[in-house]
């Protein structure tokens, strides 16, 4: 998955330049949400390779989401604050990842069966991604900071 993300970065950069940051972000969110929905709908006794195949869109969607969001955030910051903003962004991203893993683990641990917790986690995450997509649709691109 990590290799695919690294391989997709040049393509994502071209897509961002061609269609813009918000549309690229929306494409990534849609791909991720679709992958999560597919993962949640898999039958209980599915082979591991099938789970891996269904998880590919989640990674691909992330590749189309994170770079444009980072560019949107950093583009809104005056150049003299770029170092601080970059540090805050990275800290928030790391904390969000840690809190997310802990939360997902706690949800799975409270369920009788692992698959029930997993399905709940992916359903909530897909729902949050859809809400994020709706919120992004309401954004209006602003002039980048100088």
N, C-alpha and C. Protein backbone atom coordinates (compact mmCIF):
# COMPACT_ATOMS: atom_id res chain seq x y z
N UNK A 1 0.84 -1.19 0.00
CA UNK A 1 0.00 0.00 0.00
C UNK A 1 0.89 1.26 0.00
N UNK A 2 1.93 1.24 0.82
CA UNK A 2 2.82 2.40 0.89
C UNK A 2 3.49 2.64 -0.46
N UNK A 3 3.88 1.56 -1.13
CA UNK A 3 4.49 1.69 -2.45
C UNK A 3 3.54 2.31 -3.46
N UNK A 4 2.28 1.91 -3.38
CA UNK A 4 1.28 2.46 -4.29
C UNK A 4 1.09 3.95 -4.04
N UNK A 5 1.07 4.34 -2.77
CA UNK A 5 0.92 5.76 -2.43
C UNK A 5 2.10 6.56 -3.01
N UNK A 6 3.31 6.05 -2.82
CA UNK A 6 4.49 6.75 -3.34
C UNK A 6 4.47 6.80 -4.86
N UNK A 7 4.04 5.72 -5.49
CA UNK A 7 3.99 5.69 -6.95
C UNK A 7 2.94 6.64 -7.50
N UNK A 8 1.88 6.86 -6.76
CA UNK A 8 0.79 7.72 -7.24
C UNK A 8 1.08 9.22 -7.07
N UNK A 9 2.04 9.59 -6.24
CA UNK A 9 2.29 11.01 -5.97
C UNK A 9 2.49 11.86 -7.23
N UNK A 10 3.30 11.41 -8.20
CA UNK A 10 3.44 12.24 -9.42
C UNK A 10 2.11 12.41 -10.16
N UNK A 11 1.31 11.36 -10.23
CA UNK A 11 0.00 11.45 -10.89
C UNK A 11 -0.90 12.41 -10.14
N UNK A 12 -0.91 12.32 -8.83
CA UNK A 12 -1.76 13.20 -8.02
C UNK A 12 -1.36 14.66 -8.24
N UNK A 13 -0.07 14.93 -8.31
CA UNK A 13 0.39 16.31 -8.55
C UNK A 13 -0.14 16.83 -9.88
N UNK A 14 -0.11 15.99 -10.91
CA UNK A 14 -0.63 16.42 -12.22
C UNK A 14 -2.14 16.63 -12.17
N UNK A 15 -2.84 15.74 -11.48
CA UNK A 15 -4.30 15.88 -11.36
C UNK A 15 -4.64 17.17 -10.61
N UNK A 16 -3.89 17.46 -9.53
CA UNK A 16 -4.13 18.68 -8.76
C UNK A 16 -3.95 19.92 -9.64
N UNK A 17 -2.91 19.91 -10.45
CA UNK A 17 -2.66 21.05 -11.34
C UNK A 17 -3.74 21.18 -12.40
N UNK A 18 -4.22 20.05 -12.90
CA UNK A 18 -5.18 20.07 -13.99
C UNK A 18 -6.58 20.45 -13.52
N UNK A 19 -7.06 19.86 -12.40
CA UNK A 19 -8.46 20.08 -12.00
C UNK A 19 -8.62 20.92 -10.75
N UNK A 20 -7.54 21.16 -10.02
CA UNK A 20 -7.61 21.98 -8.81
C UNK A 20 -7.57 21.14 -7.54
N UNK A 21 -7.32 21.83 -6.44
CA UNK A 21 -7.14 21.15 -5.16
C UNK A 21 -8.44 20.57 -4.60
N UNK A 22 -9.51 21.35 -4.63
CA UNK A 22 -10.77 20.85 -4.06
C UNK A 22 -11.34 19.67 -4.85
N UNK A 23 -11.38 19.74 -6.19
CA UNK A 23 -11.87 18.57 -6.92
C UNK A 23 -11.01 17.32 -6.70
N UNK A 24 -9.69 17.49 -6.63
CA UNK A 24 -8.82 16.34 -6.39
C UNK A 24 -9.10 15.74 -5.02
N UNK A 25 -9.32 16.61 -4.04
CA UNK A 25 -9.66 16.14 -2.69
C UNK A 25 -10.97 15.37 -2.71
N UNK A 26 -11.95 15.89 -3.41
CA UNK A 26 -13.26 15.21 -3.48
C UNK A 26 -13.15 13.85 -4.17
N UNK A 27 -12.32 13.76 -5.20
CA UNK A 27 -12.11 12.47 -5.86
C UNK A 27 -11.51 11.47 -4.86
N UNK A 28 -10.51 11.92 -4.12
CA UNK A 28 -9.88 11.04 -3.13
C UNK A 28 -10.85 10.59 -2.05
N UNK A 29 -11.65 11.51 -1.57
CA UNK A 29 -12.64 11.17 -0.54
C UNK A 29 -13.65 10.16 -1.07
N UNK A 30 -14.10 10.36 -2.29
CA UNK A 30 -15.07 9.43 -2.89
C UNK A 30 -14.47 8.04 -3.05
N UNK A 31 -13.22 7.96 -3.51
CA UNK A 31 -12.56 6.67 -3.68
C UNK A 31 -12.39 5.99 -2.33
N UNK A 32 -11.93 6.74 -1.32
CA UNK A 32 -11.76 6.16 0.02
C UNK A 32 -13.07 5.66 0.59
N UNK A 33 -14.10 6.49 0.51
CA UNK A 33 -15.41 6.10 1.05
C UNK A 33 -15.93 4.85 0.33
N UNK A 34 -15.77 4.81 -0.98
CA UNK A 34 -16.19 3.63 -1.73
C UNK A 34 -15.45 2.37 -1.30
N UNK A 35 -14.15 2.50 -1.10
CA UNK A 35 -13.36 1.35 -0.64
C UNK A 35 -13.78 0.89 0.74
N UNK A 36 -14.05 1.84 1.64
CA UNK A 36 -14.49 1.48 2.98
C UNK A 36 -15.86 0.82 2.97
N UNK A 37 -16.75 1.33 2.14
CA UNK A 37 -18.09 0.72 2.04
C UNK A 37 -17.95 -0.71 1.51
N UNK A 38 -17.12 -0.89 0.49
CA UNK A 38 -16.90 -2.24 -0.05
C UNK A 38 -16.30 -3.16 1.01
N UNK A 39 -15.36 -2.65 1.79
CA UNK A 39 -14.75 -3.44 2.86
C UNK A 39 -15.80 -3.86 3.88
N UNK A 40 -16.67 -2.95 4.24
CA UNK A 40 -17.71 -3.25 5.22
C UNK A 40 -18.75 -4.24 4.71
N UNK A 41 -18.88 -4.35 3.40
CA UNK A 41 -19.88 -5.25 2.82
C UNK A 41 -19.33 -6.64 2.48
N UNK A 42 -18.02 -6.82 2.67
CA UNK A 42 -17.45 -8.14 2.38
C UNK A 42 -18.05 -9.20 3.29
N UNK A 43 -18.25 -10.41 2.76
CA UNK A 43 -18.75 -11.49 3.62
C UNK A 43 -17.72 -11.87 4.68
N UNK A 44 -18.19 -12.52 5.72
CA UNK A 44 -17.34 -12.88 6.86
C UNK A 44 -16.17 -13.79 6.45
N UNK A 45 -16.41 -14.75 5.62
CA UNK A 45 -15.40 -15.75 5.28
C UNK A 45 -14.76 -15.47 3.92
N UNK A 46 -14.28 -14.28 3.73
CA UNK A 46 -13.66 -13.90 2.46
C UNK A 46 -12.15 -14.15 2.56
N UNK A 47 -11.51 -14.54 1.46
CA UNK A 47 -10.06 -14.75 1.50
C UNK A 47 -9.30 -13.44 1.76
N UNK A 48 -8.14 -13.57 2.35
CA UNK A 48 -7.33 -12.39 2.69
C UNK A 48 -7.00 -11.58 1.44
N UNK A 49 -6.72 -12.25 0.33
CA UNK A 49 -6.36 -11.53 -0.89
C UNK A 49 -7.51 -10.62 -1.34
N UNK A 50 -8.75 -11.05 -1.12
CA UNK A 50 -9.90 -10.22 -1.51
C UNK A 50 -9.99 -8.99 -0.63
N UNK A 51 -9.69 -9.14 0.65
CA UNK A 51 -9.67 -7.98 1.55
C UNK A 51 -8.60 -7.00 1.10
N UNK A 52 -7.43 -7.53 0.74
CA UNK A 52 -6.34 -6.67 0.28
C UNK A 52 -6.73 -5.90 -0.98
N UNK A 53 -7.40 -6.56 -1.91
CA UNK A 53 -7.83 -5.91 -3.15
C UNK A 53 -8.82 -4.79 -2.84
N UNK A 54 -9.75 -5.05 -1.92
CA UNK A 54 -10.77 -4.05 -1.59
C UNK A 54 -10.14 -2.87 -0.83
N UNK A 55 -9.02 -3.10 -0.16
CA UNK A 55 -8.38 -2.01 0.58
C UNK A 55 -7.56 -1.08 -0.32
N UNK A 56 -7.26 -1.52 -1.53
CA UNK A 56 -6.48 -0.67 -2.45
C UNK A 56 -7.14 0.68 -2.68
N UNK A 57 -8.46 0.75 -2.93
CA UNK A 57 -9.07 2.08 -3.12
C UNK A 57 -8.93 3.00 -1.90
N UNK A 58 -8.86 2.43 -0.72
CA UNK A 58 -8.68 3.27 0.47
C UNK A 58 -7.32 3.96 0.40
N UNK A 59 -6.28 3.23 0.04
CA UNK A 59 -4.95 3.82 -0.10
C UNK A 59 -4.86 4.79 -1.26
N UNK A 60 -5.47 4.42 -2.38
CA UNK A 60 -5.47 5.30 -3.55
C UNK A 60 -6.22 6.60 -3.22
N UNK A 61 -7.35 6.47 -2.56
CA UNK A 61 -8.11 7.65 -2.17
C UNK A 61 -7.32 8.56 -1.25
N UNK A 62 -6.58 7.96 -0.33
CA UNK A 62 -5.72 8.75 0.56
C UNK A 62 -4.66 9.51 -0.22
N UNK A 63 -4.15 8.88 -1.27
CA UNK A 63 -3.15 9.54 -2.12
C UNK A 63 -3.72 10.76 -2.82
N UNK A 64 -5.01 10.73 -3.11
CA UNK A 64 -5.65 11.85 -3.77
C UNK A 64 -6.23 12.87 -2.78
N UNK A 65 -6.18 12.56 -1.50
CA UNK A 65 -6.77 13.44 -0.50
C UNK A 65 -5.73 14.24 0.27
N UNK A 66 -4.72 13.58 0.77
CA UNK A 66 -3.75 14.24 1.66
C UNK A 66 -2.95 15.34 0.96
N UNK A 67 -2.34 15.11 -0.22
CA UNK A 67 -1.57 16.20 -0.83
C UNK A 67 -2.37 17.47 -1.12
N UNK A 68 -3.59 17.36 -1.71
CA UNK A 68 -4.30 18.62 -1.94
C UNK A 68 -4.75 19.31 -0.66
N UNK A 69 -5.11 18.52 0.37
CA UNK A 69 -5.47 19.15 1.65
C UNK A 69 -4.27 19.87 2.25
N UNK A 70 -3.11 19.23 2.17
CA UNK A 70 -1.89 19.87 2.68
C UNK A 70 -1.61 21.16 1.90
N UNK A 71 -1.76 21.10 0.59
CA UNK A 71 -1.53 22.30 -0.23
C UNK A 71 -2.53 23.39 0.09
N UNK A 72 -3.79 23.01 0.32
CA UNK A 72 -4.80 24.02 0.70
C UNK A 72 -4.45 24.70 2.01
N UNK A 73 -4.06 23.91 2.98
CA UNK A 73 -3.72 24.47 4.30
C UNK A 73 -2.49 25.35 4.21
N UNK A 74 -1.43 24.82 3.60
CA UNK A 74 -0.19 25.58 3.54
C UNK A 74 -0.32 26.80 2.63
N UNK A 75 -1.17 26.72 1.61
CA UNK A 75 -1.39 27.85 0.72
C UNK A 75 -2.15 28.99 1.38
N UNK A 76 -2.83 28.70 2.47
CA UNK A 76 -3.61 29.73 3.17
C UNK A 76 -2.79 30.44 4.24
N UNK A 77 -1.54 30.04 4.41
CA UNK A 77 -0.68 30.57 5.47
C UNK A 77 0.33 31.55 4.87
N UNK A 78 0.51 32.71 5.48
CA UNK A 78 1.57 33.62 5.00
C UNK A 78 2.94 32.94 5.06
N UNK A 79 3.80 33.26 4.11
CA UNK A 79 5.10 32.60 3.99
C UNK A 79 5.92 32.67 5.27
N UNK A 80 5.83 33.77 6.00
CA UNK A 80 6.65 33.91 7.22
C UNK A 80 6.20 32.95 8.34
N UNK A 81 5.02 32.35 8.20
CA UNK A 81 4.52 31.39 9.21
C UNK A 81 4.52 29.95 8.70
N UNK A 82 5.11 29.73 7.53
CA UNK A 82 5.05 28.41 6.91
C UNK A 82 5.70 27.33 7.77
N UNK A 83 6.82 27.62 8.40
CA UNK A 83 7.49 26.63 9.24
C UNK A 83 6.64 26.20 10.42
N UNK A 84 6.08 27.17 11.10
CA UNK A 84 5.21 26.88 12.24
C UNK A 84 3.96 26.13 11.78
N UNK A 85 3.36 26.59 10.70
CA UNK A 85 2.15 25.94 10.19
C UNK A 85 2.43 24.49 9.78
N UNK A 86 3.56 24.27 9.16
CA UNK A 86 3.94 22.92 8.76
C UNK A 86 4.09 22.01 9.99
N UNK A 87 4.70 22.53 11.03
CA UNK A 87 4.85 21.76 12.27
C UNK A 87 3.52 21.46 12.93
N UNK A 88 2.64 22.45 12.96
CA UNK A 88 1.31 22.24 13.55
C UNK A 88 0.51 21.24 12.72
N UNK A 89 0.57 21.36 11.40
CA UNK A 89 -0.13 20.42 10.53
C UNK A 89 0.36 18.99 10.76
N UNK A 90 1.67 18.81 10.79
CA UNK A 90 2.22 17.47 10.99
C UNK A 90 1.85 16.91 12.36
N UNK A 91 1.90 17.75 13.39
CA UNK A 91 1.53 17.31 14.73
C UNK A 91 0.06 16.91 14.78
N UNK A 92 -0.80 17.70 14.18
CA UNK A 92 -2.23 17.38 14.15
C UNK A 92 -2.48 16.09 13.39
N UNK A 93 -1.76 15.90 12.29
CA UNK A 93 -1.92 14.67 11.49
C UNK A 93 -1.48 13.44 12.29
N UNK A 94 -0.35 13.56 12.97
CA UNK A 94 0.14 12.43 13.78
C UNK A 94 -0.81 12.14 14.94
N UNK A 95 -1.27 13.17 15.61
CA UNK A 95 -2.21 12.97 16.72
C UNK A 95 -3.52 12.38 16.23
N UNK A 96 -4.02 12.88 15.11
CA UNK A 96 -5.25 12.35 14.54
C UNK A 96 -5.13 10.87 14.21
N UNK A 97 -4.00 10.49 13.63
CA UNK A 97 -3.77 9.08 13.33
C UNK A 97 -3.74 8.23 14.58
N UNK A 98 -3.05 8.71 15.60
CA UNK A 98 -2.96 7.96 16.87
C UNK A 98 -4.31 7.83 17.55
N UNK A 99 -5.03 8.93 17.60
CA UNK A 99 -6.37 8.91 18.22
C UNK A 99 -7.31 8.03 17.42
N UNK A 100 -7.22 8.08 16.10
CA UNK A 100 -8.05 7.25 15.25
C UNK A 100 -7.80 5.77 15.47
N UNK A 101 -6.54 5.36 15.51
CA UNK A 101 -6.21 3.96 15.74
C UNK A 101 -6.72 3.51 17.11
N UNK A 102 -6.51 4.35 18.12
CA UNK A 102 -6.97 4.00 19.47
C UNK A 102 -8.50 3.89 19.52
N UNK A 103 -9.17 4.81 18.85
CA UNK A 103 -10.64 4.78 18.84
C UNK A 103 -11.15 3.56 18.11
N UNK A 104 -10.58 3.27 16.94
CA UNK A 104 -11.02 2.09 16.19
C UNK A 104 -10.78 0.82 16.99
N UNK A 105 -9.63 0.75 17.64
CA UNK A 105 -9.32 -0.41 18.46
C UNK A 105 -10.29 -0.56 19.62
N UNK A 106 -10.65 0.55 20.23
CA UNK A 106 -11.61 0.51 21.35
C UNK A 106 -12.98 0.04 20.87
N UNK A 107 -13.40 0.51 19.69
CA UNK A 107 -14.69 0.09 19.15
C UNK A 107 -14.67 -1.42 18.88
N UNK A 108 -13.62 -1.89 18.26
CA UNK A 108 -13.51 -3.33 17.98
C UNK A 108 -13.50 -4.13 19.28
N UNK A 109 -12.79 -3.63 20.28
CA UNK A 109 -12.69 -4.35 21.56
C UNK A 109 -14.01 -4.43 22.31
N UNK A 110 -14.91 -3.51 22.06
CA UNK A 110 -16.19 -3.52 22.78
C UNK A 110 -17.22 -4.44 22.12
N UNK A 111 -16.90 -4.96 20.95
CA UNK A 111 -17.84 -5.82 20.23
C UNK A 111 -17.57 -7.29 20.55
N UNK A 112 -18.60 -8.09 20.45
CA UNK A 112 -18.46 -9.52 20.70
C UNK A 112 -17.59 -10.17 19.63
N UNK A 113 -17.78 -9.74 18.38
CA UNK A 113 -17.02 -10.30 17.26
C UNK A 113 -16.20 -9.19 16.60
N UNK A 114 -14.99 -9.54 16.21
CA UNK A 114 -14.10 -8.59 15.56
C UNK A 114 -14.76 -7.97 14.33
N UNK A 115 -15.38 -8.80 13.51
CA UNK A 115 -15.96 -8.32 12.25
C UNK A 115 -17.05 -7.29 12.49
N UNK A 116 -17.78 -7.42 13.59
CA UNK A 116 -18.82 -6.43 13.92
C UNK A 116 -18.18 -5.08 14.19
N UNK A 117 -17.11 -5.07 14.98
CA UNK A 117 -16.41 -3.83 15.26
C UNK A 117 -15.78 -3.22 14.02
N UNK A 118 -15.22 -4.09 13.17
CA UNK A 118 -14.61 -3.61 11.93
C UNK A 118 -15.66 -2.96 11.04
N UNK A 119 -16.78 -3.62 10.89
CA UNK A 119 -17.85 -3.05 10.05
C UNK A 119 -18.36 -1.74 10.61
N UNK A 120 -18.48 -1.65 11.91
CA UNK A 120 -18.91 -0.40 12.54
C UNK A 120 -17.88 0.70 12.28
N UNK A 121 -16.60 0.38 12.45
CA UNK A 121 -15.53 1.35 12.21
C UNK A 121 -15.55 1.87 10.77
N UNK A 122 -15.63 0.94 9.80
CA UNK A 122 -15.57 1.40 8.41
C UNK A 122 -16.84 2.15 8.01
N UNK A 123 -17.97 1.77 8.58
CA UNK A 123 -19.22 2.49 8.28
C UNK A 123 -19.16 3.92 8.81
N UNK A 124 -18.69 4.08 10.03
CA UNK A 124 -18.59 5.42 10.61
C UNK A 124 -17.57 6.25 9.83
N UNK A 125 -16.44 5.64 9.49
CA UNK A 125 -15.41 6.37 8.74
C UNK A 125 -15.92 6.78 7.36
N UNK A 126 -16.59 5.87 6.67
CA UNK A 126 -17.15 6.22 5.36
C UNK A 126 -18.16 7.35 5.50
N UNK A 127 -19.00 7.29 6.54
CA UNK A 127 -19.96 8.36 6.78
C UNK A 127 -19.29 9.70 7.04
N UNK A 128 -18.22 9.68 7.84
CA UNK A 128 -17.48 10.91 8.12
C UNK A 128 -16.82 11.45 6.85
N UNK A 129 -16.32 10.57 6.01
CA UNK A 129 -15.73 11.02 4.75
C UNK A 129 -16.78 11.66 3.85
N UNK A 130 -17.96 11.08 3.82
CA UNK A 130 -19.04 11.67 3.01
C UNK A 130 -19.41 13.05 3.55
N UNK A 131 -19.49 13.18 4.87
CA UNK A 131 -19.77 14.50 5.47
C UNK A 131 -18.65 15.49 5.15
N UNK A 132 -17.41 15.03 5.20
CA UNK A 132 -16.28 15.89 4.84
C UNK A 132 -16.39 16.34 3.39
N UNK A 133 -16.76 15.42 2.51
CA UNK A 133 -16.94 15.79 1.10
C UNK A 133 -18.01 16.86 0.93
N UNK A 134 -19.10 16.72 1.66
CA UNK A 134 -20.17 17.72 1.60
C UNK A 134 -19.67 19.07 2.11
N UNK A 135 -18.90 19.04 3.20
CA UNK A 135 -18.35 20.30 3.73
C UNK A 135 -17.40 20.94 2.72
N UNK A 136 -16.59 20.14 2.05
CA UNK A 136 -15.66 20.67 1.06
C UNK A 136 -16.40 21.28 -0.12
N UNK A 137 -17.52 20.67 -0.51
CA UNK A 137 -18.31 21.23 -1.60
C UNK A 137 -18.81 22.63 -1.28
N UNK A 138 -18.94 22.91 0.00
CA UNK A 138 -19.42 24.24 0.42
C UNK A 138 -18.29 25.26 0.47
N UNK A 139 -17.03 24.81 0.39
CA UNK A 139 -15.90 25.73 0.42
C UNK A 139 -15.81 26.50 -0.89
N UNK A 140 -15.32 27.67 -0.77
CA UNK A 140 -15.04 28.47 -1.96
C UNK A 140 -13.53 28.71 -1.98
N UNK A 141 -12.89 28.39 -3.10
CA UNK A 141 -11.44 28.62 -3.16
C UNK A 141 -11.12 30.09 -2.90
N UNK A 142 -10.12 30.31 -2.09
CA UNK A 142 -9.71 31.69 -1.81
C UNK A 142 -8.34 31.92 -2.44
N UNK A 143 -7.96 33.17 -2.46
CA UNK A 143 -6.67 33.53 -3.02
C UNK A 143 -5.58 33.04 -2.07
N UNK A 144 -4.53 32.38 -2.58
CA UNK A 144 -3.47 31.89 -1.70
C UNK A 144 -2.79 33.04 -0.96
N UNK A 145 -2.27 32.72 0.23
CA UNK A 145 -1.55 33.72 1.02
C UNK A 145 -0.24 34.07 0.33
N UNK A 146 0.22 35.24 0.61
CA UNK A 146 1.48 35.69 -0.02
C UNK A 146 2.59 35.70 0.97
